[in-house]
Amino acid sequence: MSERSYGKNSKRTAPPREHSVQKDLVRAKKHLGQHFLKDLSIAERIAGLLSSHNGYKTVLEIGPGMGVLTQYLLASDLPFTTHVIEIDTESIAYLTAHFPMLRGRILEGDFLRKNLSTLFQEPIAIIGNFPYNISSQILFKVLDHRQQVQEVVCMLQQEVAQRIASPPGNKDYGILSVLLQAYYDITYEFTVDASVFSPPPKVQSGVIRLRRNTVVALPCDEKKFVQVVKQGFNNRRKTLRNALKPLNPPESMLSHPLLDKRAEQLGVAEFVQLTLLMNNE
């Protein structure tokens, strides 16, 4: 096999494919929501979705497990440095033993409890096969750090992935759809069958990509925007006139035609307009 340069992460070493299927070396733990991907071609395809959008130089993988995806990040031709964060001590020991090029870049702990701005002072991308039980929480944290996180590539439960990427007017469209689409361009990339995991989950999975758009700040009170979106979808079967009553909308907006619609019919711009109306602006 001819030698090939795989980018600054790897020091000209090919992906350690032999490490990716040794599922017996780390036991999948149900309480951590671990399902180890076995299909190398899917791992390579996921890693290949990173694009250095907006020029980030740092990638953080959440929950690398035994490094099935990590090996392709380290082999990328793109000019980024790979870091990983893992809560499972058994996985950390495995990664330390099998990926010496990650020395100093394996972070131990719960991603949800970490301050990204403290860990990294530069723009970053986030990638991973997210534990399904906390995937929404991870994405809400991305929202909190939206000025720093330039790109996200992740595998989620298919239903959640479809919801996030769904356009207005679709029954899958919801709170997280609107909030993320306000700041990111989102595409549903492909579906992953449960059979390629060990142990297999009870659901199909979906891979999505989020790329930071040009919106620095919404032209409205952003906290109020979140409140309006959540209240609208918490009563999604009602028209917004009824759904938003708990927020005490001003008398001046009660006849506005937007209130005749349901939350799932409104795009980001219309929710911004609704927020401005709520504030009498």
Protein backbone atom coordinates (compact mmCIF):
# COMPACT_ATOMS: atom_id res chain seq x y z
CA MET A 1 0.00 0.00 0.00
CA SER A 2 1.39 3.38 -0.96
CA GLU A 3 1.90 5.92 1.80
CA ARG A 4 -0.64 8.74 1.94
CA SER A 5 -0.78 11.91 3.97
CA TYR A 6 -3.93 12.03 6.09
CA GLY A 7 -3.55 15.59 7.39
CA LYS A 8 -2.07 17.21 10.49
CA ASN A 9 -4.00 15.01 12.90
CA SER A 10 -2.39 11.73 11.98
CA LYS A 11 1.30 12.23 11.20
CA ARG A 12 0.87 10.35 7.92
CA THR A 13 -0.68 7.20 9.33
CA ALA A 14 -3.69 5.46 7.80
CA PRO A 15 -6.86 4.90 9.84
CA PRO A 16 -6.32 2.09 12.40
CA ARG A 17 -9.15 0.00 11.04
CA GLU A 18 -8.30 -2.98 13.22
CA HIS A 19 -9.34 -1.01 16.31
CA SER A 20 -12.81 -0.17 15.14
CA VAL A 21 -14.55 -3.52 15.48
CA GLN A 22 -13.08 -4.88 18.71
CA LYS A 23 -16.42 -4.46 20.42
CA ASP A 24 -15.45 -6.88 23.21
CA LEU A 25 -12.81 -4.49 24.55
CA VAL A 26 -15.27 -1.87 25.81
CA ARG A 27 -18.61 -2.93 27.20
CA ALA A 28 -21.56 -0.85 25.99
CA LYS A 29 -23.27 0.68 29.01
CA LYS A 30 -27.01 1.14 28.87
CA HIS A 31 -27.08 4.00 31.39
CA LEU A 32 -24.75 5.98 29.12
CA GLY A 33 -26.85 5.25 26.04
CA GLN A 34 -23.91 3.58 24.29
CA HIS A 35 -24.42 1.89 20.93
CA PHE A 36 -21.12 1.29 19.17
CA LEU A 37 -21.10 1.78 15.40
CA LYS A 38 -19.63 -1.23 13.58
CA ASP A 39 -19.86 -0.13 9.95
CA LEU A 40 -16.60 1.57 8.96
CA SER A 41 -18.00 3.00 5.75
CA ILE A 42 -20.66 4.90 7.68
CA ALA A 43 -18.08 6.25 10.14
CA GLU A 44 -15.95 7.43 7.24
CA ARG A 45 -18.96 9.03 5.58
CA ILE A 46 -19.91 10.91 8.76
CA ALA A 47 -16.37 12.24 9.23
CA GLY A 48 -16.35 13.29 5.59
CA LEU A 49 -19.27 15.66 6.17
CA LEU A 50 -17.05 18.11 8.05
CA SER A 51 -16.19 21.00 5.76
CA SER A 52 -14.14 23.53 7.79
CA HIS A 53 -17.14 25.88 7.47
CA ASN A 54 -16.11 29.43 8.42
CA GLY A 55 -12.52 28.24 8.82
CA TYR A 56 -12.54 26.51 12.22
CA LYS A 57 -9.34 24.65 13.14
CA THR A 58 -10.63 22.59 16.08
CA VAL A 59 -13.04 19.65 16.12
CA LEU A 60 -14.54 18.15 19.26
CA GLU A 61 -15.97 14.65 19.08
CA ILE A 62 -18.54 13.81 21.75
CA GLY A 63 -18.58 10.22 23.02
CA PRO A 64 -15.90 8.59 20.83
CA GLY A 65 -16.23 5.17 22.49
CA MET A 66 -13.58 3.01 20.83
CA GLY A 67 -12.68 5.55 18.17
CA VAL A 68 -14.60 4.20 15.17
CA LEU A 69 -15.29 7.76 14.02
CA THR A 70 -12.18 9.23 15.64
CA GLN A 71 -9.83 7.32 13.36
CA TYR A 72 -11.29 9.08 10.31
CA LEU A 73 -11.15 12.48 11.96
CA LEU A 74 -7.46 11.91 12.66
CA ALA A 75 -7.03 10.88 9.02
CA SER A 76 -8.80 13.91 7.56
CA ASP A 77 -7.09 16.03 4.94
CA LEU A 78 -8.77 19.12 6.38
CA PRO A 79 -6.57 21.39 8.55
CA PHE A 80 -8.17 20.81 11.93
CA THR A 81 -7.01 19.31 15.22
CA THR A 82 -9.20 16.64 16.80
CA HIS A 83 -10.17 16.60 20.47
CA VAL A 84 -12.52 14.09 22.08
CA ILE A 85 -14.64 14.18 25.21
CA GLU A 86 -15.73 10.96 26.91
CA ILE A 87 -17.48 10.22 30.20
CA ASP A 88 -16.81 6.45 30.18
CA THR A 89 -13.51 5.65 31.93
CA GLU A 90 -13.25 2.31 30.12
CA SER A 91 -13.45 4.06 26.76
CA ILE A 92 -10.89 6.63 27.88
CA ALA A 93 -8.46 3.83 28.74
CA TYR A 94 -9.03 2.25 25.33
CA LEU A 95 -8.52 5.52 23.47
CA THR A 96 -5.38 6.31 25.45
CA ALA A 97 -3.91 2.90 24.60
CA HIS A 98 -4.85 2.82 20.92
CA PHE A 99 -4.67 6.47 19.85
CA PRO A 100 -1.38 7.88 21.20
CA MET A 101 -1.72 10.80 18.72
CA LEU A 102 -4.60 12.04 20.91
CA ARG A 103 -2.31 12.54 23.91
CA GLY A 104 -3.37 15.69 25.73
CA ARG A 105 -6.56 15.96 23.68
CA ILE A 106 -8.76 13.39 25.47
CA LEU A 107 -11.12 15.27 27.76
CA GLU A 108 -12.73 13.28 30.55
CA GLY A 109 -16.18 14.18 31.82
CA ASP A 110 -19.75 15.10 30.92
CA PHE A 111 -20.01 17.35 27.87
CA LEU A 112 -23.20 18.91 29.24
CA ARG A 113 -21.30 20.12 32.32
CA LYS A 114 -18.37 21.60 30.43
CA ASN A 115 -17.98 25.26 29.49
CA LEU A 116 -16.98 25.27 25.83
CA SER A 117 -15.76 28.85 26.01
CA THR A 118 -13.33 27.82 28.76
CA LEU A 119 -12.16 24.66 27.01
CA PHE A 120 -11.60 26.38 23.67
CA GLN A 121 -11.01 30.04 22.96
CA GLU A 122 -11.44 29.59 19.21
CA PRO A 123 -14.26 28.59 16.82
CA ILE A 124 -14.96 24.85 16.79
CA ALA A 125 -16.96 22.12 15.13
CA ILE A 126 -18.74 19.36 17.03
CA ILE A 127 -19.24 15.83 15.76
CA GLY A 128 -20.41 12.54 17.18
CA ASN A 129 -22.81 9.68 17.50
CA PHE A 130 -24.80 11.39 20.24
CA PRO A 131 -26.41 9.32 23.02
CA TYR A 132 -30.09 9.42 22.10
CA ASN A 133 -31.23 10.19 25.64
CA ILE A 134 -29.32 13.48 25.76
CA SER A 135 -29.10 14.49 22.09
CA SER A 136 -31.57 17.37 22.46
CA GLN A 137 -29.69 18.65 25.51
CA ILE A 138 -26.45 18.60 23.53
CA LEU A 139 -28.04 20.67 20.77
CA PHE A 140 -29.49 23.17 23.24
CA LYS A 141 -25.94 23.57 24.56
CA VAL A 142 -24.75 24.16 21.00
CA LEU A 143 -27.34 26.92 20.80
CA ASP A 144 -25.93 28.49 23.95
CA HIS A 145 -22.50 28.55 22.26
CA ARG A 146 -23.73 29.37 18.76
CA GLN A 147 -21.19 32.14 18.25
CA GLN A 148 -18.41 29.60 18.80
CA VAL A 149 -19.77 26.40 17.22
CA GLN A 150 -19.51 26.80 13.44
CA GLU A 151 -20.53 23.33 12.33
CA VAL A 152 -22.16 20.24 13.81
CA VAL A 153 -22.27 16.77 12.26
CA CYS A 154 -24.14 14.27 14.37
CA MET A 155 -26.02 11.01 14.39
CA LEU A 156 -29.28 11.04 16.36
CA GLN A 157 -32.44 9.04 16.66
CA GLN A 158 -34.00 9.35 13.21
CA GLU A 159 -37.19 10.95 14.53
CA VAL A 160 -35.20 13.70 16.28
CA ALA A 161 -32.92 14.24 13.27
CA GLN A 162 -35.92 14.62 10.96
CA ARG A 163 -37.58 17.03 13.38
CA ILE A 164 -34.54 19.30 13.55
CA ALA A 165 -34.14 19.43 9.77
CA SER A 166 -37.88 19.70 9.06
CA PRO A 167 -39.26 22.81 7.29
CA PRO A 168 -42.36 24.70 8.49
CA GLY A 169 -45.70 23.10 7.73
CA ASN A 170 -44.50 19.61 8.59
CA LYS A 171 -45.80 17.67 11.59
CA ASP A 172 -42.18 16.91 12.59
CA TYR A 173 -41.40 20.64 12.84
CA GLY A 174 -41.03 21.76 16.45
CA ILE A 175 -39.29 23.89 19.06
CA LEU A 176 -35.75 22.70 18.36
CA SER A 177 -36.36 23.02 14.61
CA VAL A 178 -37.12 26.74 14.91
CA LEU A 179 -34.44 27.60 17.48
CA LEU A 180 -31.65 25.83 15.60
CA GLN A 181 -32.77 26.98 12.15
CA ALA A 182 -32.63 30.56 13.39
CA TYR A 183 -28.83 30.30 13.55
CA TYR A 184 -27.89 27.26 11.44
CA ASP A 185 -28.51 25.92 7.95
CA ILE A 186 -29.51 22.30 8.50
CA THR A 187 -29.58 19.31 6.17
CA TYR A 188 -30.68 15.74 6.77
CA GLU A 189 -27.88 13.68 5.24
CA PHE A 190 -28.77 9.98 5.47
CA THR A 191 -30.43 7.25 7.52
CA VAL A 192 -28.51 4.57 9.43
CA ASP A 193 -30.01 1.15 10.11
CA ALA A 194 -30.06 -0.21 13.66
CA SER A 195 -28.28 -3.39 12.55
CA VAL A 196 -24.89 -1.64 12.19
CA PHE A 197 -24.63 -0.96 15.94
CA SER A 198 -23.59 -3.11 18.88
CA PRO A 199 -25.89 -3.45 20.68
CA PRO A 200 -28.49 -2.41 18.09
CA PRO A 201 -30.84 0.37 19.25
CA LYS A 202 -34.60 -0.09 18.94
CA VAL A 203 -34.86 2.77 16.45
CA GLN A 204 -33.34 3.92 13.20
CA SER A 205 -30.77 6.71 13.26
CA GLY A 206 -30.30 9.79 11.12
CA VAL A 207 -27.25 11.93 10.36
CA ILE A 208 -27.65 15.70 10.07
CA ARG A 209 -25.29 18.61 9.45
CA LEU A 210 -25.66 22.10 10.89
CA ARG A 211 -23.68 25.01 9.45
CA ARG A 212 -23.65 28.39 11.16
CA ASN A 213 -25.48 30.99 9.10
CA THR A 214 -24.78 34.72 8.97
CA VAL A 215 -27.24 35.72 11.72
CA VAL A 216 -25.25 37.30 14.54
CA ALA A 217 -28.38 38.24 16.49
CA LEU A 218 -32.09 38.14 15.77
CA PRO A 219 -33.80 41.52 15.25
CA CYS A 220 -35.90 40.99 18.38
CA ASP A 221 -35.55 40.11 22.05
CA GLU A 222 -33.96 36.65 21.74
CA LYS A 223 -35.10 35.47 25.17
CA LYS A 224 -38.65 36.50 24.32
CA PHE A 225 -38.29 34.75 20.96
CA VAL A 226 -37.48 31.46 22.73
CA GLN A 227 -40.42 31.97 25.09
CA VAL A 228 -42.84 32.61 22.20
CA VAL A 229 -41.62 29.57 20.24
CA LYS A 230 -41.89 27.23 23.23
CA GLN A 231 -45.32 28.50 24.21
CA GLY A 232 -46.60 28.17 20.67
CA PHE A 233 -45.49 24.56 20.29
CA ASN A 234 -46.53 23.53 23.79
CA ASN A 235 -50.05 23.98 22.48
CA ARG A 236 -49.40 23.15 18.86
CA ARG A 237 -52.95 22.01 18.10
CA LYS A 238 -54.31 25.42 19.01
CA THR A 239 -54.10 28.56 16.96
CA LEU A 240 -51.46 30.96 18.22
CA ARG A 241 -54.20 33.29 19.41
CA ASN A 242 -55.11 30.68 22.03
CA ALA A 243 -51.67 29.12 22.48
CA LEU A 244 -50.05 32.45 23.43
CA LYS A 245 -52.71 33.56 25.92
CA PRO A 246 -50.52 32.66 28.95
CA LEU A 247 -47.99 35.26 27.71
CA ASN A 248 -50.67 38.00 27.84
CA PRO A 249 -50.27 39.35 24.29
CA PRO A 250 -51.08 43.04 23.96
CA GLU A 251 -54.52 44.04 22.75
CA SER A 252 -52.98 45.65 19.68
CA MET A 253 -51.87 42.31 18.20
CA LEU A 254 -54.96 40.19 18.81
CA SER A 255 -56.36 40.80 15.33
CA HIS A 256 -53.08 40.06 13.54
CA PRO A 257 -53.45 37.28 10.90
CA LEU A 258 -50.39 35.40 12.27
CA LEU A 259 -52.47 34.50 15.31
CA ASP A 260 -54.87 32.55 13.09
CA LYS A 261 -52.09 30.08 12.35
CA ARG A 262 -50.61 27.22 14.35
CA ALA A 263 -46.98 27.21 15.47
CA GLU A 264 -45.93 24.55 12.96
CA GLN A 265 -46.94 26.86 10.10
CA LEU A 266 -44.50 29.65 11.01
CA GLY A 267 -40.90 29.98 9.90
CA VAL A 268 -38.14 31.72 11.84
CA ALA A 269 -38.89 35.14 10.29
CA GLU A 270 -42.56 34.90 11.26
CA PHE A 271 -41.68 33.95 14.83
CA VAL A 272 -39.41 36.99 14.93
CA GLN A 273 -42.34 39.11 13.72
CA LEU A 274 -44.59 37.57 16.37
CA THR A 275 -42.02 38.34 19.06
CA LEU A 276 -41.86 41.97 17.96
CA LEU A 277 -45.64 42.17 18.10
CA MET A 278 -45.62 40.71 21.59
CA ASN A 279 -43.31 43.51 22.65
CA ASN A 280 -45.39 46.16 20.85
CA GLU A 281 -42.49 46.95 18.52
